[in-house]
Amino acid sequence: MKNAKLLIFSDKLIICRVNVLSPEDIGGPDMSMIDPFVVTTTDGEFYLRPWMTEYTAQTEFEIHSDKLLTMAEPTYKLLSKYEEVCK
């Protein structure tokens, strides 16, 4: 899946498609997360839970990249799981 990344925050892992934005204002959001899922793992199995679905039907969220610890390429196994749930 094009642009799928693993976003590592201090309190969670999120896999999503990423779109880099040009902020309109200094300090504005500079990226968007598209179809974000929280990643958890138990005994080597990945579990993906849609992020924020209990609060909104929205599937794209603008964020500030300074909230991230880092961004990484997901493993093939995690990427395959993400592609499966996004169908």
Protein backbone atom coordinates (compact mmCIF):
# COMPACT_ATOMS: atom_id res chain seq x y z
CA MET A 1 0.00 0.00 0.00
CA LYS A 2 1.43 3.33 -1.06
CA ASN A 3 2.64 5.66 1.71
CA ALA A 4 1.76 3.29 4.58
CA LYS A 5 3.92 4.08 7.61
CA LEU A 6 4.21 3.03 11.21
CA LEU A 7 3.91 6.13 13.40
CA ILE A 8 5.47 5.76 16.83
CA PHE A 9 4.02 8.01 19.52
CA SER A 10 5.03 7.92 23.19
CA ASP A 11 1.87 6.00 24.12
CA LYS A 12 0.80 4.12 20.97
CA LEU A 13 1.74 2.70 17.57
CA ILE A 14 -0.39 3.66 14.58
CA ILE A 15 -0.22 2.31 11.06
CA CYS A 16 -1.74 4.53 8.39
CA ARG A 17 -1.18 6.16 5.04
CA VAL A 18 0.63 9.47 5.42
CA ASN A 19 0.26 12.67 3.45
CA VAL A 20 2.71 15.53 4.06
CA LEU A 21 0.99 18.93 4.20
CA SER A 22 2.20 22.48 3.74
CA PRO A 23 0.89 24.27 6.84
CA GLU A 24 -1.13 27.40 6.13
CA ASP A 25 0.04 28.95 9.39
CA ILE A 26 3.28 28.56 11.33
CA GLY A 27 2.71 25.78 13.83
CA GLY A 28 -0.23 24.34 11.87
CA PRO A 29 -0.69 20.64 11.11
CA ASP A 30 2.00 19.39 8.73
CA MET A 31 0.81 15.88 7.98
CA SER A 32 -2.36 13.86 7.73
CA MET A 33 -3.04 10.29 8.80
CA ILE A 34 -5.35 8.41 6.45
CA ASP A 35 -7.15 5.25 7.64
CA PRO A 36 -5.23 5.06 10.95
CA PHE A 37 -5.25 1.87 13.01
CA VAL A 38 -3.76 1.35 16.48
CA VAL A 39 -1.33 -1.58 16.46
CA THR A 40 -1.05 -4.01 19.36
CA THR A 41 0.63 -7.37 19.48
CA THR A 42 0.18 -10.51 21.54
CA ASP A 43 2.28 -13.64 21.12
CA GLY A 44 3.65 -12.38 17.80
CA GLU A 45 0.22 -11.67 16.29
CA PHE A 46 -0.73 -8.16 15.20
CA TYR A 47 -4.12 -6.70 16.11
CA LEU A 48 -5.36 -3.55 14.41
CA ARG A 49 -8.11 -1.38 15.87
CA PRO A 50 -9.44 1.63 13.97
CA TRP A 51 -8.35 4.83 15.69
CA MET A 52 -11.02 7.25 17.03
CA THR A 53 -14.03 5.36 15.57
CA GLU A 54 -15.86 5.56 18.89
CA TYR A 55 -15.86 9.36 18.49
CA THR A 56 -16.02 10.10 14.76
CA ALA A 57 -16.67 8.57 11.33
CA GLN A 58 -13.78 10.61 9.96
CA THR A 59 -10.94 8.58 8.37
CA GLU A 60 -8.40 11.36 7.77
CA PHE A 61 -6.79 13.40 10.56
CA GLU A 62 -4.38 16.31 10.39
CA ILE A 63 -1.63 16.24 13.01
CA HIS A 64 1.59 17.97 13.99
CA SER A 65 4.62 15.77 13.26
CA ASP A 66 6.33 17.06 16.41
CA LYS A 67 3.98 14.76 18.37
CA LEU A 68 5.74 11.72 16.85
CA LEU A 69 8.79 10.05 18.30
CA THR A 70 9.59 8.63 14.87
CA MET A 71 8.12 7.17 11.69
CA ALA A 72 9.16 3.80 10.23
CA GLU A 73 8.44 1.38 7.43
CA PRO A 74 6.11 -1.41 8.64
CA THR A 75 7.21 -5.01 8.33
CA TYR A 76 5.76 -7.03 5.47
CA LYS A 77 3.58 -8.97 7.94
CA LEU A 78 2.15 -5.80 9.50
CA LEU A 79 1.67 -4.14 6.11
CA SER A 80 -0.20 -7.22 4.82
CA LYS A 81 -2.50 -7.13 7.86
CA TYR A 82 -3.15 -3.40 7.31
CA GLU A 83 -3.95 -3.93 3.62
CA GLU A 84 -6.37 -6.69 4.62
CA VAL A 85 -8.34 -4.52 7.07
CA CYS A 86 -8.42 -1.55 4.67
CA LYS A 87 -10.18 -3.51 1.90
